Structure formats: structure tokens, C-alpha cells
N, C-alpha and C. Protein backbone atom coordinates (compact mmCIF):
# COMPACT_ATOMS: atom_id res chain seq x y z
N MET A 1 -54.38 -72.64 22.67
CA MET A 1 -53.12 -71.98 22.83
C MET A 1 -52.03 -72.96 23.27
N ILE A 2 -52.39 -73.87 24.20
CA ILE A 2 -51.40 -74.82 24.69
C ILE A 2 -50.98 -75.77 23.56
N GLY A 3 -51.96 -76.19 22.74
CA GLY A 3 -51.64 -77.05 21.61
C GLY A 3 -50.68 -76.39 20.64
N GLY A 4 -50.88 -75.09 20.41
CA GLY A 4 -49.99 -74.35 19.52
C GLY A 4 -48.60 -74.24 20.10
N ALA A 5 -48.52 -74.06 21.42
CA ALA A 5 -47.21 -73.96 22.07
C ALA A 5 -46.47 -75.28 22.00
N VAL A 6 -47.19 -76.39 22.21
CA VAL A 6 -46.57 -77.71 22.12
C VAL A 6 -46.10 -77.98 20.69
N ALA A 7 -46.95 -77.64 19.72
CA ALA A 7 -46.57 -77.84 18.32
C ALA A 7 -45.33 -77.03 17.96
N SER A 8 -45.21 -75.83 18.54
CA SER A 8 -44.05 -74.99 18.21
C SER A 8 -42.75 -75.56 18.79
N ILE A 9 -42.87 -76.42 19.82
CA ILE A 9 -41.67 -77.06 20.36
C ILE A 9 -41.17 -78.14 19.40
N PHE A 10 -42.10 -78.94 18.88
CA PHE A 10 -41.72 -80.04 18.00
C PHE A 10 -41.49 -79.61 16.55
N PHE A 11 -42.17 -78.55 16.13
CA PHE A 11 -42.04 -78.04 14.76
C PHE A 11 -41.76 -76.54 14.81
N PRO A 12 -40.56 -76.15 15.23
CA PRO A 12 -40.28 -74.72 15.37
C PRO A 12 -40.28 -74.01 14.02
N ALA A 13 -40.88 -72.85 14.01
CA ALA A 13 -40.94 -72.04 12.79
C ALA A 13 -40.09 -70.79 12.98
N PRO A 14 -39.53 -70.28 11.89
CA PRO A 14 -38.74 -69.06 12.02
C PRO A 14 -39.62 -67.81 12.03
N CYS A 15 -39.15 -66.79 12.69
CA CYS A 15 -39.82 -65.48 12.66
C CYS A 15 -39.63 -64.92 11.25
N ARG A 16 -40.70 -64.36 10.69
CA ARG A 16 -40.62 -63.83 9.32
C ARG A 16 -39.78 -62.57 9.24
N ALA A 17 -39.52 -61.93 10.36
CA ALA A 17 -38.75 -60.69 10.33
C ALA A 17 -37.27 -60.92 10.61
N CYS A 18 -36.97 -61.61 11.72
CA CYS A 18 -35.56 -61.74 12.12
C CYS A 18 -34.97 -63.12 11.84
N GLY A 19 -35.83 -64.10 11.57
CA GLY A 19 -35.34 -65.45 11.29
C GLY A 19 -35.14 -66.31 12.53
N GLY A 20 -35.27 -65.70 13.72
CA GLY A 20 -35.15 -66.48 14.96
C GLY A 20 -36.34 -67.42 15.13
N ILE A 21 -36.25 -68.31 16.09
CA ILE A 21 -37.33 -69.26 16.36
C ILE A 21 -38.47 -68.51 17.04
N LEU A 22 -39.70 -68.79 16.59
CA LEU A 22 -40.86 -68.16 17.21
C LEU A 22 -40.95 -68.58 18.66
N ASP A 23 -41.25 -67.63 19.53
CA ASP A 23 -41.26 -67.89 20.96
C ASP A 23 -42.66 -67.91 21.57
N SER A 24 -43.67 -68.03 20.73
CA SER A 24 -45.03 -68.15 21.25
C SER A 24 -45.82 -69.11 20.36
N GLY A 25 -46.96 -69.53 20.85
CA GLY A 25 -47.81 -70.44 20.09
C GLY A 25 -48.82 -69.72 19.23
N ASP A 26 -48.68 -68.40 19.09
CA ASP A 26 -49.61 -67.63 18.26
C ASP A 26 -49.52 -68.04 16.81
N ARG A 27 -50.54 -67.66 16.07
CA ARG A 27 -50.53 -67.92 14.63
C ARG A 27 -49.89 -66.76 13.88
N ILE A 28 -49.40 -65.77 14.60
CA ILE A 28 -48.71 -64.63 13.99
C ILE A 28 -47.24 -65.02 13.83
N PRO A 29 -46.72 -64.96 12.61
CA PRO A 29 -45.38 -65.48 12.36
C PRO A 29 -44.24 -64.50 12.67
N LEU A 30 -44.40 -63.73 13.72
CA LEU A 30 -43.33 -62.84 14.18
C LEU A 30 -43.08 -63.12 15.65
N CYS A 31 -41.82 -63.08 16.06
CA CYS A 31 -41.49 -63.33 17.46
C CYS A 31 -41.91 -62.14 18.31
N THR A 32 -41.92 -62.36 19.61
CA THR A 32 -42.35 -61.32 20.55
C THR A 32 -41.48 -60.07 20.42
N ALA A 33 -40.17 -60.24 20.24
CA ALA A 33 -39.28 -59.08 20.14
C ALA A 33 -39.58 -58.26 18.89
N CYS A 34 -39.86 -58.92 17.76
CA CYS A 34 -40.17 -58.18 16.53
C CYS A 34 -41.51 -57.47 16.63
N LEU A 35 -42.51 -58.12 17.24
CA LEU A 35 -43.79 -57.45 17.44
C LEU A 35 -43.64 -56.24 18.36
N ALA A 36 -42.81 -56.38 19.39
CA ALA A 36 -42.59 -55.26 20.32
C ALA A 36 -41.84 -54.12 19.65
N ALA A 37 -41.09 -54.43 18.58
CA ALA A 37 -40.33 -53.39 17.88
C ALA A 37 -41.23 -52.51 17.00
N ILE A 38 -42.44 -52.96 16.74
CA ILE A 38 -43.39 -52.16 15.95
C ILE A 38 -44.12 -51.23 16.92
N VAL A 39 -43.64 -50.02 17.00
CA VAL A 39 -44.17 -49.06 17.99
C VAL A 39 -44.90 -47.92 17.27
N PRO A 40 -45.90 -47.36 17.91
CA PRO A 40 -46.64 -46.26 17.29
C PRO A 40 -45.74 -45.04 17.04
N ILE A 41 -46.10 -44.28 16.03
CA ILE A 41 -45.39 -43.04 15.74
C ILE A 41 -45.70 -42.06 16.87
N ALA A 42 -44.67 -41.50 17.45
CA ALA A 42 -44.84 -40.56 18.57
C ALA A 42 -44.35 -39.18 18.16
N GLY A 43 -44.80 -38.18 18.87
CA GLY A 43 -44.35 -36.82 18.63
C GLY A 43 -45.24 -36.10 17.63
N PRO A 44 -44.86 -34.87 17.30
CA PRO A 44 -45.69 -34.08 16.38
C PRO A 44 -45.71 -34.69 14.99
N GLN A 45 -46.91 -34.65 14.36
CA GLN A 45 -47.10 -35.21 13.03
C GLN A 45 -47.78 -34.20 12.14
N CYS A 46 -47.54 -34.34 10.84
CA CYS A 46 -48.23 -33.52 9.85
C CYS A 46 -49.73 -33.76 10.01
N GLN A 47 -50.51 -32.70 10.00
CA GLN A 47 -51.94 -32.83 10.24
C GLN A 47 -52.67 -33.45 9.06
N ARG A 48 -52.04 -33.52 7.89
CA ARG A 48 -52.68 -34.16 6.74
C ARG A 48 -52.20 -35.59 6.55
N CYS A 49 -50.91 -35.78 6.35
CA CYS A 49 -50.41 -37.12 5.98
C CYS A 49 -49.93 -37.94 7.17
N GLY A 50 -49.65 -37.31 8.30
CA GLY A 50 -49.23 -38.05 9.48
C GLY A 50 -47.74 -38.29 9.59
N LYS A 51 -46.94 -37.77 8.66
CA LYS A 51 -45.49 -37.94 8.77
C LYS A 51 -45.00 -37.25 10.03
N PRO A 52 -44.02 -37.85 10.70
CA PRO A 52 -43.44 -37.18 11.87
C PRO A 52 -42.78 -35.86 11.46
N ILE A 53 -43.01 -34.85 12.26
CA ILE A 53 -42.36 -33.55 12.05
C ILE A 53 -41.11 -33.54 12.92
N ILE A 54 -39.97 -33.45 12.28
CA ILE A 54 -38.70 -33.54 12.99
C ILE A 54 -38.34 -32.21 13.65
N SER A 55 -38.65 -31.11 12.99
CA SER A 55 -38.26 -29.79 13.49
C SER A 55 -39.16 -29.36 14.64
N LEU A 56 -38.59 -29.27 15.81
CA LEU A 56 -39.36 -28.81 16.97
C LEU A 56 -39.75 -27.34 16.83
N VAL A 57 -38.93 -26.57 16.12
CA VAL A 57 -39.25 -25.16 15.89
C VAL A 57 -40.52 -25.05 15.06
N ALA A 58 -40.61 -25.83 14.00
CA ALA A 58 -41.81 -25.80 13.17
C ALA A 58 -43.03 -26.27 13.95
N ALA A 59 -42.83 -27.27 14.80
CA ALA A 59 -43.94 -27.80 15.58
C ALA A 59 -44.47 -26.78 16.59
N GLN A 60 -43.61 -25.89 17.04
CA GLN A 60 -44.01 -24.92 18.05
C GLN A 60 -44.48 -23.59 17.47
N THR A 61 -44.10 -23.27 16.24
CA THR A 61 -44.38 -21.93 15.71
C THR A 61 -45.51 -21.85 14.69
N THR A 62 -45.95 -22.96 14.14
CA THR A 62 -46.97 -22.89 13.09
C THR A 62 -48.33 -23.26 13.63
N GLN A 63 -49.36 -22.62 13.10
CA GLN A 63 -50.74 -22.92 13.50
C GLN A 63 -51.17 -24.27 12.94
N VAL A 64 -51.00 -24.44 11.62
CA VAL A 64 -51.34 -25.70 10.95
C VAL A 64 -50.04 -26.42 10.67
N LEU A 65 -49.86 -27.56 11.31
CA LEU A 65 -48.61 -28.30 11.21
C LEU A 65 -48.65 -29.20 9.98
N LEU A 66 -47.95 -28.81 8.91
CA LEU A 66 -47.90 -29.58 7.67
C LEU A 66 -46.45 -29.83 7.27
N CYS A 67 -46.20 -31.01 6.72
CA CYS A 67 -44.86 -31.31 6.19
C CYS A 67 -44.67 -30.56 4.87
N HIS A 68 -43.46 -30.58 4.35
CA HIS A 68 -43.20 -29.84 3.11
C HIS A 68 -44.00 -30.37 1.93
N MET A 69 -44.26 -31.68 1.88
CA MET A 69 -45.04 -32.25 0.77
C MET A 69 -46.49 -31.79 0.84
N CYS A 70 -47.06 -31.74 2.02
CA CYS A 70 -48.46 -31.31 2.16
C CYS A 70 -48.61 -29.80 1.97
N ARG A 71 -47.60 -29.03 2.36
CA ARG A 71 -47.65 -27.57 2.11
C ARG A 71 -47.66 -27.29 0.61
N ARG A 72 -47.00 -28.14 -0.15
CA ARG A 72 -46.96 -27.98 -1.61
C ARG A 72 -48.16 -28.64 -2.28
N GLU A 73 -49.06 -29.25 -1.50
CA GLU A 73 -50.28 -29.92 -1.98
C GLU A 73 -49.98 -30.98 -3.04
N LEU A 74 -48.98 -31.82 -2.76
CA LEU A 74 -48.59 -32.86 -3.69
C LEU A 74 -49.40 -34.14 -3.52
N TYR A 75 -50.03 -34.31 -2.36
CA TYR A 75 -50.84 -35.51 -2.13
C TYR A 75 -52.28 -35.23 -2.49
N ASP A 76 -52.97 -36.26 -2.95
CA ASP A 76 -54.35 -36.10 -3.38
C ASP A 76 -55.30 -36.80 -2.39
N PHE A 77 -55.11 -36.53 -1.12
CA PHE A 77 -56.01 -37.04 -0.10
C PHE A 77 -56.16 -35.98 0.98
N ASP A 78 -57.17 -36.18 1.82
CA ASP A 78 -57.46 -35.20 2.86
C ASP A 78 -56.81 -35.54 4.20
N PHE A 79 -56.68 -36.83 4.51
CA PHE A 79 -56.19 -37.25 5.81
C PHE A 79 -55.69 -38.68 5.71
N ALA A 80 -54.54 -38.94 6.31
CA ALA A 80 -53.99 -40.30 6.34
C ALA A 80 -53.20 -40.47 7.62
N ARG A 81 -53.20 -41.69 8.14
CA ARG A 81 -52.42 -42.00 9.32
C ARG A 81 -51.85 -43.40 9.19
N SER A 82 -50.68 -43.59 9.77
CA SER A 82 -50.05 -44.90 9.88
C SER A 82 -49.87 -45.19 11.36
N PHE A 83 -49.88 -46.46 11.69
CA PHE A 83 -49.67 -46.84 13.08
C PHE A 83 -48.20 -46.68 13.44
N ALA A 84 -47.32 -47.10 12.55
CA ALA A 84 -45.90 -47.11 12.84
C ALA A 84 -45.11 -46.79 11.58
N LYS A 85 -43.83 -46.52 11.77
CA LYS A 85 -42.95 -46.26 10.64
C LYS A 85 -42.76 -47.56 9.85
N TYR A 86 -42.86 -47.46 8.53
CA TYR A 86 -42.78 -48.63 7.66
C TYR A 86 -41.32 -49.04 7.46
N ASP A 87 -40.81 -49.81 8.40
CA ASP A 87 -39.47 -50.37 8.29
C ASP A 87 -39.35 -51.59 9.20
N GLY A 88 -38.27 -52.31 9.08
CA GLY A 88 -37.99 -53.44 9.95
C GLY A 88 -39.09 -54.50 9.96
N ALA A 89 -39.50 -54.87 11.15
CA ALA A 89 -40.48 -55.94 11.33
C ALA A 89 -41.83 -55.60 10.70
N LEU A 90 -42.18 -54.31 10.68
CA LEU A 90 -43.46 -53.93 10.09
C LEU A 90 -43.52 -54.27 8.60
N VAL A 91 -42.44 -54.09 7.89
CA VAL A 91 -42.39 -54.42 6.47
C VAL A 91 -42.68 -55.91 6.29
N HIS A 92 -42.04 -56.76 7.08
CA HIS A 92 -42.24 -58.20 6.98
C HIS A 92 -43.68 -58.58 7.34
N ALA A 93 -44.25 -57.93 8.34
CA ALA A 93 -45.62 -58.22 8.75
C ALA A 93 -46.61 -57.84 7.65
N VAL A 94 -46.43 -56.67 7.05
CA VAL A 94 -47.33 -56.23 5.98
C VAL A 94 -47.23 -57.16 4.78
N LEU A 95 -46.01 -57.55 4.41
CA LEU A 95 -45.84 -58.45 3.27
C LEU A 95 -46.44 -59.83 3.54
N ALA A 96 -46.31 -60.31 4.79
CA ALA A 96 -46.91 -61.61 5.13
C ALA A 96 -48.43 -61.55 5.04
N LEU A 97 -49.00 -60.46 5.49
CA LEU A 97 -50.45 -60.30 5.41
C LEU A 97 -50.90 -60.15 3.96
N LYS A 98 -50.20 -59.32 3.22
CA LYS A 98 -50.62 -58.98 1.87
C LYS A 98 -50.41 -60.12 0.87
N TYR A 99 -49.23 -60.71 0.86
CA TYR A 99 -48.90 -61.68 -0.19
C TYR A 99 -49.01 -63.14 0.25
N ASP A 100 -48.79 -63.41 1.54
CA ASP A 100 -48.88 -64.78 2.01
C ASP A 100 -50.22 -65.08 2.69
N GLU A 101 -51.07 -64.06 2.77
CA GLU A 101 -52.41 -64.18 3.35
C GLU A 101 -52.38 -64.77 4.76
N VAL A 102 -51.48 -64.27 5.59
CA VAL A 102 -51.42 -64.68 7.00
C VAL A 102 -52.51 -63.89 7.72
N ARG A 103 -53.70 -64.45 7.74
CA ARG A 103 -54.90 -63.74 8.23
C ARG A 103 -54.85 -63.31 9.69
N PRO A 104 -54.22 -64.05 10.60
CA PRO A 104 -54.18 -63.56 11.98
C PRO A 104 -53.51 -62.18 12.11
N LEU A 105 -52.64 -61.84 11.17
CA LEU A 105 -52.04 -60.50 11.20
C LEU A 105 -53.08 -59.42 10.95
N GLY A 106 -54.14 -59.75 10.21
CA GLY A 106 -55.20 -58.77 9.96
C GLY A 106 -55.83 -58.29 11.26
N GLY A 107 -56.12 -59.21 12.16
CA GLY A 107 -56.67 -58.85 13.47
C GLY A 107 -55.69 -58.06 14.30
N TRP A 108 -54.42 -58.45 14.23
CA TRP A 108 -53.38 -57.74 14.98
C TRP A 108 -53.28 -56.29 14.51
N PHE A 109 -53.25 -56.10 13.17
CA PHE A 109 -53.20 -54.74 12.62
C PHE A 109 -54.46 -53.96 12.95
N ALA A 110 -55.61 -54.61 12.86
CA ALA A 110 -56.89 -53.93 13.10
C ALA A 110 -56.93 -53.34 14.51
N LYS A 111 -56.42 -54.07 15.49
CA LYS A 111 -56.41 -53.55 16.87
C LYS A 111 -55.55 -52.30 16.98
N ARG A 112 -54.43 -52.30 16.30
CA ARG A 112 -53.54 -51.12 16.38
C ARG A 112 -54.12 -49.93 15.62
N LEU A 113 -54.70 -50.18 14.46
CA LEU A 113 -55.30 -49.09 13.69
C LEU A 113 -56.55 -48.54 14.37
N ALA A 114 -57.24 -49.37 15.13
CA ALA A 114 -58.43 -48.91 15.85
C ALA A 114 -58.07 -47.83 16.86
N THR A 115 -56.87 -47.89 17.43
CA THR A 115 -56.47 -46.84 18.37
C THR A 115 -56.33 -45.49 17.65
N ILE A 116 -55.87 -45.52 16.41
CA ILE A 116 -55.75 -44.29 15.63
C ILE A 116 -57.12 -43.74 15.28
N VAL A 117 -58.03 -44.62 14.90
CA VAL A 117 -59.38 -44.18 14.55
C VAL A 117 -60.08 -43.59 15.76
N ARG A 118 -59.91 -44.23 16.93
CA ARG A 118 -60.53 -43.69 18.15
C ARG A 118 -59.96 -42.32 18.52
N ALA A 119 -58.70 -42.09 18.20
CA ALA A 119 -58.08 -40.80 18.52
C ALA A 119 -58.52 -39.69 17.56
N ASN A 120 -58.95 -40.03 16.34
CA ASN A 120 -59.33 -39.04 15.32
C ASN A 120 -60.64 -39.43 14.64
N PRO A 121 -61.72 -39.63 15.36
CA PRO A 121 -62.94 -40.17 14.72
C PRO A 121 -63.51 -39.26 13.64
N GLU A 122 -63.38 -37.94 13.79
CA GLU A 122 -63.95 -37.02 12.80
C GLU A 122 -63.23 -37.09 11.46
N ASN A 123 -62.00 -37.56 11.45
CA ASN A 123 -61.24 -37.64 10.20
C ASN A 123 -61.42 -38.96 9.46
N PHE A 124 -62.13 -39.91 10.05
CA PHE A 124 -62.29 -41.22 9.42
C PHE A 124 -63.71 -41.46 8.94
N VAL A 125 -64.42 -40.43 8.61
CA VAL A 125 -65.75 -40.58 8.03
C VAL A 125 -65.56 -40.88 6.55
N ALA A 126 -66.15 -41.97 6.10
CA ALA A 126 -66.00 -42.36 4.69
C ALA A 126 -67.26 -43.05 4.22
N ASP A 127 -67.54 -42.95 2.93
CA ASP A 127 -68.68 -43.64 2.34
C ASP A 127 -68.38 -45.13 2.19
N ALA A 128 -67.15 -45.45 1.83
CA ALA A 128 -66.78 -46.84 1.59
C ALA A 128 -65.29 -47.01 1.81
N VAL A 129 -64.92 -48.20 2.27
CA VAL A 129 -63.52 -48.56 2.43
C VAL A 129 -63.31 -49.83 1.61
N VAL A 130 -62.40 -49.77 0.66
CA VAL A 130 -62.11 -50.91 -0.20
C VAL A 130 -60.66 -51.31 0.08
N PRO A 131 -60.43 -52.53 0.62
CA PRO A 131 -59.10 -52.90 1.07
C PRO A 131 -58.13 -53.35 -0.02
N CYS A 132 -58.55 -53.37 -1.28
CA CYS A 132 -57.65 -53.83 -2.34
C CYS A 132 -58.03 -53.16 -3.65
N ALA A 133 -57.14 -53.31 -4.61
CA ALA A 133 -57.46 -52.81 -5.95
C ALA A 133 -58.62 -53.62 -6.51
N LEU A 134 -59.50 -52.97 -7.24
CA LEU A 134 -60.70 -53.64 -7.73
C LEU A 134 -60.38 -54.82 -8.63
N ARG A 135 -59.25 -54.82 -9.32
CA ARG A 135 -58.92 -55.92 -10.22
C ARG A 135 -58.68 -57.21 -9.45
N HIS A 136 -58.38 -57.13 -8.14
CA HIS A 136 -58.14 -58.32 -7.34
C HIS A 136 -59.42 -58.88 -6.73
N ALA A 137 -60.51 -58.14 -6.78
CA ALA A 137 -61.74 -58.55 -6.11
C ALA A 137 -62.32 -59.82 -6.71
N VAL A 138 -62.11 -60.06 -7.98
CA VAL A 138 -62.66 -61.25 -8.63
C VAL A 138 -62.01 -62.51 -8.06
N ALA A 139 -60.73 -62.43 -7.74
CA ALA A 139 -60.01 -63.59 -7.23
C ALA A 139 -60.37 -63.90 -5.77
N HIS A 140 -60.89 -62.95 -5.04
CA HIS A 140 -61.22 -63.12 -3.63
C HIS A 140 -62.72 -62.92 -3.44
N PRO A 141 -63.50 -63.99 -3.26
CA PRO A 141 -64.95 -63.85 -3.16
C PRO A 141 -65.39 -62.90 -2.04
N CYS A 142 -64.71 -62.91 -0.89
CA CYS A 142 -65.14 -62.02 0.19
C CYS A 142 -64.92 -60.56 -0.20
N LEU A 143 -63.85 -60.27 -0.93
CA LEU A 143 -63.61 -58.90 -1.37
C LEU A 143 -64.62 -58.50 -2.44
N ALA A 144 -64.98 -59.46 -3.30
CA ALA A 144 -65.98 -59.16 -4.33
C ALA A 144 -67.30 -58.78 -3.68
N GLN A 145 -67.65 -59.44 -2.58
CA GLN A 145 -68.88 -59.10 -1.86
C GLN A 145 -68.79 -57.71 -1.26
N GLN A 146 -67.62 -57.36 -0.69
CA GLN A 146 -67.44 -56.03 -0.12
C GLN A 146 -67.54 -54.96 -1.19
N VAL A 147 -66.94 -55.20 -2.34
CA VAL A 147 -66.99 -54.23 -3.43
C VAL A 147 -68.42 -54.04 -3.89
N ALA A 148 -69.17 -55.15 -4.03
CA ALA A 148 -70.57 -55.05 -4.46
C ALA A 148 -71.39 -54.26 -3.45
N ALA A 149 -71.15 -54.49 -2.17
CA ALA A 149 -71.88 -53.74 -1.13
C ALA A 149 -71.52 -52.26 -1.19
N CYS A 150 -70.24 -51.96 -1.38
CA CYS A 150 -69.81 -50.56 -1.47
C CYS A 150 -70.42 -49.87 -2.67
N GLN A 151 -70.51 -50.61 -3.79
CA GLN A 151 -71.10 -50.03 -4.98
C GLN A 151 -72.57 -49.71 -4.75
N GLN A 152 -73.28 -50.58 -4.03
CA GLN A 152 -74.69 -50.33 -3.75
C GLN A 152 -74.86 -49.11 -2.86
N VAL A 153 -74.04 -48.99 -1.83
CA VAL A 153 -74.10 -47.82 -0.95
C VAL A 153 -73.77 -46.56 -1.74
N ASP A 154 -72.73 -46.66 -2.56
CA ASP A 154 -72.27 -45.52 -3.34
C ASP A 154 -73.37 -45.02 -4.28
N SER A 155 -74.00 -45.93 -5.01
CA SER A 155 -75.01 -45.52 -5.97
C SER A 155 -76.28 -45.04 -5.27
N ALA A 156 -76.62 -45.63 -4.13
CA ALA A 156 -77.81 -45.20 -3.40
C ALA A 156 -77.65 -43.79 -2.86
N GLN A 157 -76.43 -43.44 -2.42
CA GLN A 157 -76.21 -42.12 -1.84
C GLN A 157 -76.07 -41.04 -2.90
N SER A 158 -75.55 -41.38 -4.06
CA SER A 158 -75.26 -40.34 -5.04
C SER A 158 -76.24 -40.29 -6.20
N GLY A 159 -76.96 -41.38 -6.43
CA GLY A 159 -77.85 -41.44 -7.58
C GLY A 159 -77.11 -41.74 -8.87
N GLU A 160 -75.78 -41.92 -8.80
CA GLU A 160 -74.99 -42.25 -9.99
C GLU A 160 -75.04 -43.74 -10.23
N ALA A 161 -74.57 -44.17 -11.37
CA ALA A 161 -74.49 -45.60 -11.67
C ALA A 161 -73.55 -46.25 -10.67
N ALA A 162 -73.83 -47.49 -10.34
CA ALA A 162 -73.04 -48.20 -9.34
C ALA A 162 -71.57 -48.23 -9.74
N GLY A 163 -70.71 -47.88 -8.80
CA GLY A 163 -69.27 -47.96 -9.01
C GLY A 163 -68.66 -46.77 -9.72
N GLU A 164 -69.45 -45.80 -10.18
CA GLU A 164 -68.87 -44.68 -10.91
C GLU A 164 -67.89 -43.88 -10.07
N LYS A 165 -68.18 -43.71 -8.77
CA LYS A 165 -67.26 -42.95 -7.95
C LYS A 165 -66.62 -43.77 -6.85
N LEU A 166 -66.75 -45.11 -6.95
CA LEU A 166 -66.11 -45.98 -5.99
C LEU A 166 -64.60 -45.80 -6.05
N GLY A 167 -63.98 -45.63 -4.92
CA GLY A 167 -62.54 -45.48 -4.87
C GLY A 167 -62.08 -44.04 -4.87
N ARG A 168 -62.96 -43.08 -5.15
CA ARG A 168 -62.57 -41.69 -5.09
C ARG A 168 -62.91 -41.14 -3.72
N ARG A 169 -62.09 -40.27 -3.22
CA ARG A 169 -62.36 -39.59 -1.96
C ARG A 169 -62.42 -38.12 -2.27
N LEU A 170 -63.60 -37.54 -2.13
CA LEU A 170 -63.76 -36.13 -2.41
C LEU A 170 -63.70 -35.35 -1.11
N GLY A 171 -62.82 -34.40 -1.04
CA GLY A 171 -62.70 -33.57 0.15
C GLY A 171 -63.42 -32.27 -0.06
N PRO A 172 -63.59 -31.49 0.99
CA PRO A 172 -64.28 -30.22 0.86
C PRO A 172 -63.55 -29.29 -0.11
N GLY A 173 -64.28 -28.81 -1.10
CA GLY A 173 -63.72 -27.86 -2.04
C GLY A 173 -62.79 -28.45 -3.07
N ARG A 174 -62.71 -29.75 -3.15
CA ARG A 174 -61.80 -30.38 -4.10
C ARG A 174 -62.60 -31.07 -5.19
N ALA A 175 -62.31 -30.76 -6.40
CA ALA A 175 -62.96 -31.43 -7.53
C ALA A 175 -61.94 -32.37 -8.16
N ARG A 176 -62.32 -33.63 -8.32
CA ARG A 176 -61.39 -34.60 -8.93
C ARG A 176 -62.08 -35.33 -10.03
């Protein structure tokens, strides 16, 4: 850590979100202020997609709290959650992780998402989690290994050919 802090004095790098000089020796390319600006979504949320519910009247009067999109059944998933609203510094952090492969951000995100999973463990039961589109797995050997492992689990549990239902999430009473 001290070596990173010393290096940042002699070779200052800009924050990927605000452009200011990084103020820590971390390998995360966002300054402390931008990281602090990424705050969890607070208040009432749609029970399916996790969007914040703005109307306090709706939050207090309905049994099942759903946003207008989920009431119309426009989404094809059973449950989703985000750690924070996708804007500002979070956009820059996601793009740095996704396209620039800034791997230390993966651990940073994992810690924040783990809090959501711990809060809703019954909603995060899944047969397989695939972090990318399958067409990208060939270019990334570690992802190719994850996909192969998921295909083996998938075929062992269902008796279907490997990969036939990989990537599909079947909810109760839903045929896709």
C-alpha cells in the first residue's frame, strides 16, 4: 500500500469519473469522493425489479409493491437488484471494469453486491451464474472454464444436453 501511495505521488493518475487526481494508492481508478458518491438504493423498491418506488402512497397502500413495468409483466425475470443507481461515478466504474478490465473493481463491486445477497438470500437461488455473453467466453479462458462448469451442472441436473438451457432462468409457473 505504501509503495502504491509513493508511486501515486510521482506518477499521478486521473480519476476515471471526475478527472481529478487520485487521492489513494489503491488500484481502483476512482477517487475517494467518487467512490463515496456510489451509495446504495434506499427507500421502498419494486419487489421484482428493485426500482425505487417514488410514490409514498403506493408504498403504503399496496400489498405487493411493484413498479408500473412489473405490474404490466414487461420484464422476463423473477427478481433483480442493483446496488446503486446507474449514473455518475457508477457508470465510469462499470465501464472500467467491463471494457478496460480493471480487475480490482470486481472485488469492490462483489463486496457491495454481497450485502444485497445477504439481505435477500431466498431470491438468489440459481443453477448457474454466467457473467458474460457466451460469445465472449472463447476470448477469456477463465470465463470459458466457468461456462463449461455451468454446462456440466446444468446437464447433470436436467438430463438435457449440455448447454441447452444455460442462460435461461425459469421461474415458478413460467414457460419460456
